[in-house]
Amino acid sequence: MSYPAQIRIPATYMRGGTSKGVFFKLDDLPADARQPGPAREALLLRVIGSPDPYGKQIDGMGGATSSTSKTVILSQSTRPGHDVDYLFGQVAIDAAFIDWTGNCGNLSAAVGSFAISNGLVPAERIPRNGVATVRIWQANIAKTIIAHVPITDGAVQETGDFELDGVTFPAAEVQLEFMDPAAEEEGGAGAMFPTGHLVDDLEVPGIGTFKATLINAGIPTIFLNATDIGYTGTELQDAINGDPKALARFETIRAHGALRMGLISHLDEAATRQHTPKVAFVAGPAAYTASSGKAVQAGDVDLLVRALSVGKLHHAMMGTAAVAIGTAAAIPGTLVNLAAGGGARQSVRFGHPSGTLRVGAQAERVNGEWKVLKAIMSRSARVLMEGWVRTPGPDRAKYTG
């Protein structure tokens, strides 16, 4: 019996913010994977090691968490005013499924660095020393991200003293601007507040009715009050992820929220849309001990936020959810804004399971509707490994389950 030989594909394994993923240049992919379709899906699933019924992704590059089961495809942009097109895929761990419905804000921090190092940004745009500005077209959500990447001696500077809670070691700071982050696609889901309200009563049969802020900014997100669902906002991962009933309840809430936001037409569609929307819960400032052992004092933060990603409580905070937090905090009357004390604000520092994070947003009312011009936050990025990934050859699809 003959088996296909492995093929090798140029790739870079990068950390961006509190996530990791495998980065590809579009032109480096096999010809049949350079466009959306079964060949691309099969290839990326096999690279990451999914579907894995053991939930470990041992036979792939994935790290068996939502933060580390990610792929990125980049190409030089043909869109005026942009340098690079960025396509993100959230790879399911135990299912043969890649969710293309949203962005990864954390990995966005690595896109500019990769683009510069791989010749996707014109050389004349890169200073010898200073900061390079990379304009990114986020293809999943049709939005612009501007990355400010430090440059030393003509190359990306990755080392530095910027500390990011949720990341063990310091690195160089990369500032990101998420331009006009409110979503504008998916029909009725296009408005920043798809229901037209800053706060809704979200009815979840069999569970209850909850006050909720349903927002499309950065990524579609359902915000709840922690106390309404029996939490304090100081919880760490084990308190949620070790409770199957709690996870099932959150998934039910997420499905009903997705339906209310117009992201899906039927509840059963939520199972095929794992990456979006996110569900998060907020509370006022309180002291707690972060997962690293770091003491977070009530005076260190404006509010507490815990968010779930792909069915589990995130170990820190998704970058796109941070954009949603900053946006909602800037708009008086949302649950996020109220948890932070209410009133007008242009930035907020929130506590998450790994520590704290500051995010800013510029919001204004235009013709009676709220509009956010941009959200700003700092992350860091670093190349972990570069070279080639290997995967079974052309009939690899039969090996992906």
Protein backbone atom coordinates (compact mmCIF):
# COMPACT_ATOMS: atom_id res chain seq x y z
CA MET A 1 0.00 0.00 0.00
CA SER A 2 1.39 3.42 -0.94
CA TYR A 3 1.03 6.58 1.08
CA PRO A 4 1.52 10.18 0.03
CA ALA A 5 4.85 11.84 0.70
CA GLN A 6 4.81 14.87 2.97
CA ILE A 7 5.02 18.28 1.39
CA ARG A 8 6.69 21.22 3.09
CA ILE A 9 5.33 24.74 3.13
CA PRO A 10 7.14 27.92 4.23
CA ALA A 11 5.60 29.12 7.49
CA THR A 12 6.31 31.18 10.58
CA TYR A 13 5.11 30.36 14.08
CA MET A 14 4.44 33.63 15.88
CA ARG A 15 3.15 34.96 19.14
CA GLY A 16 0.94 37.99 18.86
CA GLY A 17 -0.37 39.40 22.14
CA THR A 18 -1.62 36.48 24.23
CA SER A 19 -2.15 34.17 21.23
CA LYS A 20 0.02 32.04 18.95
CA GLY A 21 -0.56 30.97 15.36
CA VAL A 22 0.96 29.66 12.16
CA PHE A 23 1.50 32.42 9.59
CA PHE A 24 1.64 31.85 5.82
CA LYS A 25 2.20 34.01 2.78
CA LEU A 26 -0.63 33.30 0.38
CA ASP A 27 1.75 32.66 -2.51
CA ASP A 28 3.63 30.04 -0.48
CA LEU A 29 0.55 27.83 -0.11
CA PRO A 30 -0.01 24.94 -2.55
CA ALA A 31 -1.88 26.18 -5.62
CA ASP A 32 -5.13 24.47 -4.64
CA ALA A 33 -5.07 26.16 -1.20
CA ARG A 34 -4.59 29.73 -2.42
CA GLN A 35 -8.33 30.25 -2.58
CA PRO A 36 -11.11 29.38 -0.13
CA GLY A 37 -12.39 25.82 -0.38
CA PRO A 38 -11.94 22.22 0.76
CA ALA A 39 -8.24 22.05 -0.16
CA ARG A 40 -7.38 25.05 2.02
CA GLU A 41 -9.52 23.77 4.89
CA ALA A 42 -7.93 20.32 4.76
CA LEU A 43 -4.42 21.74 4.63
CA LEU A 44 -4.82 24.10 7.58
CA LEU A 45 -6.65 21.55 9.71
CA ARG A 46 -3.80 19.09 9.16
CA VAL A 47 -1.15 21.72 9.92
CA ILE A 48 -2.79 22.56 13.25
CA GLY A 49 -3.62 18.93 14.11
CA SER A 50 -7.41 18.96 13.96
CA PRO A 51 -9.82 17.35 14.37
CA ASP A 52 -8.36 15.65 17.42
CA PRO A 53 -10.79 13.56 19.51
CA TYR A 54 -8.17 13.58 22.28
CA GLY A 55 -8.31 17.38 22.37
CA LYS A 56 -4.51 17.76 22.47
CA GLN A 57 -3.47 18.49 18.84
CA ILE A 58 -0.39 16.34 19.39
CA ASP A 59 0.04 15.69 15.65
CA GLY A 60 0.08 19.35 14.65
CA MET A 61 1.13 22.88 15.51
CA GLY A 62 -1.91 23.72 17.62
CA GLY A 63 -1.64 24.10 21.37
CA ALA A 64 -5.04 22.62 22.30
CA THR A 65 -6.54 25.96 23.39
CA SER A 66 -8.52 28.58 21.49
CA SER A 67 -5.55 30.96 21.93
CA THR A 68 -3.14 28.62 20.17
CA SER A 69 -5.29 26.93 17.49
CA LYS A 70 -5.01 29.68 14.89
CA THR A 71 -3.84 30.29 11.33
CA VAL A 72 -3.09 33.46 9.40
CA ILE A 73 -2.76 33.98 5.64
CA LEU A 74 -1.15 37.21 4.43
CA SER A 75 -0.63 38.75 1.02
CA GLN A 76 0.40 42.09 -0.44
CA SER A 77 -2.71 44.22 -0.61
CA THR A 78 -4.26 45.43 -3.84
CA ARG A 79 -6.59 47.67 -1.85
CA PRO A 80 -5.63 51.37 -2.12
CA GLY A 81 -4.00 52.76 0.98
CA HIS A 82 -3.19 49.35 2.48
CA ASP A 83 -0.01 47.31 2.65
CA VAL A 84 -1.18 43.81 3.49
CA ASP A 85 -4.35 41.70 3.42
CA TYR A 86 -4.82 39.65 6.59
CA LEU A 87 -7.08 36.60 6.75
CA PHE A 88 -7.55 34.81 10.07
CA GLY A 89 -8.82 31.28 10.69
CA GLN A 90 -9.87 30.02 14.14
CA VAL A 91 -9.34 26.27 13.98
CA ALA A 92 -11.62 24.00 16.01
CA ILE A 93 -9.76 21.50 18.15
CA ASP A 94 -12.02 18.45 18.12
CA ALA A 95 -13.96 19.14 14.91
CA ALA A 96 -13.05 19.48 11.23
CA PHE A 97 -14.01 23.13 11.15
CA ILE A 98 -12.35 26.52 10.67
CA ASP A 99 -14.27 29.64 11.63
CA TRP A 100 -13.57 32.59 9.31
CA THR A 101 -16.26 34.91 10.75
CA GLY A 102 -14.05 37.15 12.88
CA ASN A 103 -10.63 38.61 13.52
CA CYS A 104 -7.99 37.79 16.14
CA GLY A 105 -6.98 41.07 17.73
CA ASN A 106 -4.00 39.50 19.48
CA LEU A 107 -2.48 38.05 16.32
CA SER A 108 -3.14 41.40 14.62
CA ALA A 109 -0.10 42.59 16.59
CA ALA A 110 2.10 40.15 14.67
CA VAL A 111 0.78 40.96 11.20
CA GLY A 112 2.77 44.15 10.71
CA SER A 113 5.98 42.51 11.91
CA PHE A 114 5.51 39.54 9.59
CA ALA A 115 4.63 41.79 6.66
CA ILE A 116 7.80 43.87 7.09
CA SER A 117 10.08 40.86 7.57
CA ASN A 118 8.62 39.05 4.57
CA GLY A 119 8.78 41.86 2.03
CA LEU A 120 5.08 42.71 1.95
CA VAL A 121 5.75 46.35 2.83
CA PRO A 122 7.77 48.50 0.37
CA ALA A 123 11.35 48.93 1.58
CA GLU A 124 11.15 52.71 1.24
CA ARG A 125 8.39 52.71 3.88
CA ILE A 126 10.68 51.15 6.50
CA PRO A 127 12.85 53.59 8.47
CA ARG A 128 16.37 52.68 9.41
CA ASN A 129 15.45 53.38 13.01
CA GLY A 130 12.09 54.42 14.40
CA VAL A 131 8.55 53.16 13.91
CA ALA A 132 7.09 51.72 10.70
CA THR A 133 3.39 52.24 10.08
CA VAL A 134 1.71 49.25 8.44
CA ARG A 135 -1.83 49.59 7.12
CA ILE A 136 -3.59 46.23 7.34
CA TRP A 137 -6.80 45.20 5.60
CA GLN A 138 -8.56 42.72 7.87
CA ALA A 139 -10.31 40.58 5.27
CA ASN A 140 -12.58 38.64 7.65
CA ILE A 141 -14.43 41.73 8.82
CA ALA A 142 -13.51 44.25 6.08
CA LYS A 143 -11.81 46.70 8.43
CA THR A 144 -8.55 48.64 8.60
CA ILE A 145 -5.98 48.11 11.34
CA ILE A 146 -2.91 50.30 11.65
CA ALA A 147 0.12 48.72 13.31
CA HIS A 148 3.02 50.80 14.59
CA VAL A 149 6.03 48.48 14.53
CA PRO A 150 9.39 49.44 16.11
CA ILE A 151 12.39 49.21 13.78
CA THR A 152 16.08 49.03 14.74
CA ASP A 153 18.86 48.96 12.13
CA GLY A 154 16.29 48.40 9.40
CA ALA A 155 14.77 45.28 10.97
CA VAL A 156 11.75 44.61 13.17
CA GLN A 157 12.64 45.05 16.82
CA GLU A 158 11.04 42.26 18.83
CA THR A 159 12.79 42.56 22.18
CA GLY A 160 11.98 45.27 24.68
CA ASP A 161 10.64 46.05 28.13
CA PHE A 162 6.91 46.23 27.39
CA GLU A 163 5.04 43.89 29.72
CA LEU A 164 1.69 42.37 28.81
CA ASP A 165 -0.27 40.47 31.43
CA GLY A 166 -0.82 36.94 30.13
CA VAL A 167 2.62 36.86 28.45
CA THR A 168 5.55 35.66 30.55
CA PHE A 169 8.39 37.72 29.10
CA PRO A 170 8.64 41.40 28.09
CA ALA A 171 9.02 42.39 24.44
CA ALA A 172 8.82 45.43 22.16
CA GLU A 173 5.57 47.38 22.23
CA VAL A 174 3.38 47.36 19.12
CA GLN A 175 0.57 49.90 19.14
CA LEU A 176 -2.56 48.97 17.20
CA GLU A 177 -5.32 51.23 15.94
CA PHE A 178 -8.57 49.48 15.01
CA MET A 179 -10.20 51.98 12.66
CA ASP A 180 -13.99 52.36 12.68
CA PRO A 181 -14.26 49.04 14.54
CA ALA A 182 -18.05 48.70 14.50
CA ALA A 183 -19.16 45.90 12.17
CA GLU A 184 -21.00 46.76 8.97
CA GLU A 185 -21.73 43.41 7.41
CA GLU A 186 -24.16 40.54 7.76
CA GLY A 187 -27.41 42.35 6.97
CA GLY A 188 -29.32 43.21 10.11
CA ALA A 189 -26.23 42.53 12.20
CA GLY A 190 -24.44 45.48 10.59
CA ALA A 191 -25.10 48.21 13.19
CA MET A 192 -22.84 48.67 16.18
CA PHE A 193 -25.90 47.95 18.33
CA PRO A 194 -27.88 45.55 16.11
CA THR A 195 -31.02 45.75 18.25
CA GLY A 196 -30.90 49.53 18.38
CA HIS A 197 -30.49 49.51 22.17
CA LEU A 198 -27.52 50.02 24.48
CA VAL A 199 -29.03 47.47 26.88
CA ASP A 200 -31.50 44.70 26.03
CA ASP A 201 -33.43 42.11 27.98
CA LEU A 202 -32.00 38.88 26.59
CA GLU A 203 -34.42 36.02 27.18
CA VAL A 204 -32.81 32.60 27.33
CA PRO A 205 -35.50 29.90 27.72
CA GLY A 206 -34.81 27.54 30.59
CA ILE A 207 -32.12 29.80 32.04
CA GLY A 208 -33.55 33.28 32.55
CA THR A 209 -33.75 36.82 31.22
CA PHE A 210 -30.65 38.96 31.54
CA LYS A 211 -29.69 42.55 30.94
CA ALA A 212 -27.26 42.50 28.02
CA THR A 213 -25.28 44.89 25.84
CA LEU A 214 -25.08 43.39 22.36
CA ILE A 215 -22.37 45.13 20.38
CA ASN A 216 -20.56 44.70 17.06
CA ALA A 217 -17.17 46.35 17.54
CA GLY A 218 -13.89 44.55 17.10
CA ILE A 219 -15.88 41.35 17.29
CA PRO A 220 -19.59 40.72 18.02
CA THR A 221 -19.87 40.45 21.80
CA ILE A 222 -22.59 39.78 24.35
CA PHE A 223 -21.91 41.57 27.63
CA LEU A 224 -23.73 40.48 30.80
CA ASN A 225 -23.56 41.61 34.42
CA ALA A 226 -21.55 39.11 36.46
CA THR A 227 -23.95 39.21 39.39
CA ASP A 228 -26.93 38.40 37.16
CA ILE A 229 -25.38 35.03 36.29
CA GLY A 230 -24.02 34.22 39.72
CA TYR A 231 -20.41 35.42 39.42
CA THR A 232 -18.27 38.19 40.90
CA GLY A 233 -16.04 39.00 37.93
CA THR A 234 -12.93 37.85 39.83
CA GLU A 235 -13.10 34.26 38.54
CA LEU A 236 -10.10 32.51 37.01
CA GLN A 237 -10.22 29.83 34.34
CA ASP A 238 -10.74 26.78 36.55
CA ALA A 239 -13.83 28.27 38.17
CA ILE A 240 -15.60 28.27 34.80
CA ASN A 241 -13.81 25.73 32.64
CA GLY A 242 -14.02 23.05 35.32
CA ASP A 243 -17.81 23.37 35.43
CA PRO A 244 -19.46 21.62 32.43
CA LYS A 245 -22.90 22.90 33.42
CA ALA A 246 -21.64 26.49 33.46
CA LEU A 247 -20.03 26.08 30.03
CA ALA A 248 -23.24 24.64 28.61
CA ARG A 249 -25.20 27.54 30.07
CA PHE A 250 -22.83 30.08 28.55
CA GLU A 251 -23.11 28.37 25.17
CA THR A 252 -26.90 28.53 25.35
CA ILE A 253 -26.73 32.22 26.23
CA ARG A 254 -24.29 32.78 23.38
CA ALA A 255 -26.57 31.05 20.88
CA HIS A 256 -29.60 33.12 21.91
CA GLY A 257 -27.50 36.28 21.83
CA ALA A 258 -26.27 35.45 18.33
CA LEU A 259 -29.87 34.99 17.22
CA ARG A 260 -30.90 38.30 18.82
CA MET A 261 -27.98 40.07 17.09
CA GLY A 262 -28.97 38.70 13.70
CA LEU A 263 -25.74 36.76 13.31
CA ILE A 264 -27.61 33.49 12.81
CA SER A 265 -31.10 32.61 11.62
CA HIS A 266 -31.60 29.47 13.71
CA LEU A 267 -30.17 28.45 17.08
CA ASP A 268 -28.50 25.33 15.70
CA GLU A 269 -26.31 27.53 13.46
CA ALA A 270 -24.36 28.66 16.54
CA ALA A 271 -22.52 25.33 16.59
CA THR A 272 -20.95 26.17 13.22
CA ARG A 273 -20.03 29.68 14.32
CA GLN A 274 -17.79 29.06 17.31
CA HIS A 275 -15.55 32.12 17.03
CA THR A 276 -18.34 34.70 17.07
CA PRO A 277 -20.07 36.12 18.97
CA LYS A 278 -18.12 36.20 22.21
CA VAL A 279 -19.87 36.23 25.56
CA ALA A 280 -18.41 38.19 28.47
CA PHE A 281 -19.45 39.29 31.93
CA VAL A 282 -18.56 42.50 33.73
CA ALA A 283 -18.41 43.79 37.29
CA GLY A 284 -17.19 46.84 39.15
CA PRO A 285 -13.64 47.06 40.51
CA ALA A 286 -12.61 44.47 43.10
CA ALA A 287 -9.36 42.99 44.36
CA TYR A 288 -8.29 39.51 43.23
CA THR A 289 -5.23 37.42 42.61
CA ALA A 290 -4.45 36.86 38.93
CA SER A 291 -3.48 33.47 37.55
CA SER A 292 0.22 34.41 37.74
CA GLY A 293 -0.11 35.14 41.47
CA LYS A 294 -0.04 38.88 40.85
CA ALA A 295 -2.26 40.88 43.20
CA VAL A 296 -4.70 43.14 41.40
CA GLN A 297 -6.12 45.84 43.64
CA ALA A 298 -9.55 47.41 43.15
CA GLY A 299 -7.84 50.75 42.60
CA ASP A 300 -5.80 49.32 39.71
CA VAL A 301 -8.81 48.89 37.42
CA ASP A 302 -11.97 50.61 36.28
CA LEU A 303 -13.90 47.34 36.01
CA LEU A 304 -13.53 43.58 35.75
CA VAL A 305 -14.21 41.56 32.60
CA ARG A 306 -14.18 37.84 31.97
CA ALA A 307 -14.74 36.53 28.43
CA LEU A 308 -15.25 33.14 26.83
CA SER A 309 -13.68 32.10 23.55
CA VAL A 310 -14.64 28.95 21.65
CA GLY A 311 -16.50 27.58 24.64
CA LYS A 312 -13.93 28.23 27.37
CA LEU A 313 -13.03 31.12 29.65
CA HIS A 314 -10.04 32.89 28.09
CA HIS A 315 -6.83 32.93 30.10
CA ALA A 316 -6.46 36.69 29.53
CA MET A 317 -8.49 38.72 27.02
CA MET A 318 -9.00 38.36 23.29
CA GLY A 319 -7.71 41.44 21.48
CA THR A 320 -10.93 41.90 19.53
CA ALA A 321 -12.97 41.57 22.72
CA ALA A 322 -10.73 44.25 24.24
CA VAL A 323 -11.77 46.48 21.33
CA ALA A 324 -15.41 45.72 22.14
CA ILE A 325 -14.76 46.53 25.81
CA GLY A 326 -13.08 49.84 25.00
CA THR A 327 -15.82 50.77 22.55
CA ALA A 328 -18.66 49.91 24.92
CA ALA A 329 -16.91 51.67 27.81
CA ALA A 330 -16.76 54.88 25.75
CA ILE A 331 -20.53 54.93 25.25
CA PRO A 332 -22.51 56.05 28.33
CA GLY A 333 -25.23 53.63 29.34
CA THR A 334 -23.83 50.29 28.18
CA LEU A 335 -23.28 47.61 30.81
CA VAL A 336 -19.53 47.98 30.34
CA ASN A 337 -19.67 51.73 30.82
CA LEU A 338 -21.91 51.40 33.88
CA ALA A 339 -19.60 48.79 35.44
CA ALA A 340 -16.74 51.25 34.99
CA GLY A 341 -18.68 53.95 36.83
CA GLY A 342 -20.59 55.53 33.96
CA GLY A 343 -20.04 58.85 32.24
CA ALA A 344 -17.89 59.82 29.26
CA ARG A 345 -14.46 58.23 28.98
CA GLN A 346 -11.83 57.72 26.30
CA SER A 347 -9.98 54.82 27.89
CA VAL A 348 -10.55 52.09 30.40
CA ARG A 349 -8.31 49.71 32.33
CA PHE A 350 -9.96 46.39 33.07
CA GLY A 351 -9.01 43.36 35.08
CA HIS A 352 -8.92 39.94 33.40
CA PRO A 353 -7.78 36.51 34.65
CA SER A 354 -4.08 37.19 33.91
CA GLY A 355 -3.95 40.79 35.12
CA THR A 356 -4.96 44.12 33.63
CA LEU A 357 -5.17 45.78 30.21
CA ARG A 358 -5.77 49.34 29.08
CA VAL A 359 -7.70 50.09 25.89
CA GLY A 360 -8.81 53.42 24.48
CA ALA A 361 -11.63 54.38 22.13
CA GLN A 362 -12.86 57.60 20.54
CA ALA A 363 -16.64 57.72 20.32
CA GLU A 364 -19.03 60.40 19.13
CA ARG A 365 -22.70 60.79 18.27
CA VAL A 366 -23.45 61.29 14.58
CA ASN A 367 -27.06 62.04 13.65
CA GLY A 368 -28.21 60.56 16.93
CA GLU A 369 -26.22 57.33 16.47
CA TRP A 370 -23.03 56.34 18.26
CA LYS A 371 -19.96 55.99 16.09
CA VAL A 372 -16.49 54.91 17.23
CA LEU A 373 -13.68 56.38 15.17
CA LYS A 374 -11.02 53.99 16.43
CA ALA A 375 -9.94 51.83 19.32
CA ILE A 376 -6.32 51.78 20.46
CA MET A 377 -4.30 49.30 22.47
CA SER A 378 -0.76 48.04 22.81
CA ARG A 379 0.39 44.45 22.40
CA SER A 380 3.67 42.77 21.50
CA ALA A 381 4.73 40.12 19.00
CA ARG A 382 7.62 37.77 18.43
CA VAL A 383 8.73 35.13 15.94
CA LEU A 384 8.96 31.79 17.75
CA MET A 385 10.06 29.64 14.82
CA GLU A 386 10.40 30.01 11.08
CA GLY A 387 11.01 27.54 8.32
CA TRP A 388 8.56 24.96 6.96
CA VAL A 389 5.60 23.01 8.19
CA ARG A 390 5.03 19.54 6.78
CA THR A 391 1.76 17.85 5.94
CA PRO A 392 0.70 14.78 3.91
CA GLY A 393 0.48 15.42 0.19
CA PRO A 394 -2.44 16.01 -2.20
CA ASP A 395 -4.84 13.45 -0.74
CA ARG A 396 -4.31 14.83 2.78
CA ALA A 397 -8.05 15.50 3.05
CA LYS A 398 -8.76 11.88 3.88
CA TYR A 399 -6.47 12.20 6.89
CA THR A 400 -8.40 15.09 8.45
CA GLY A 401 -11.39 13.05 9.51
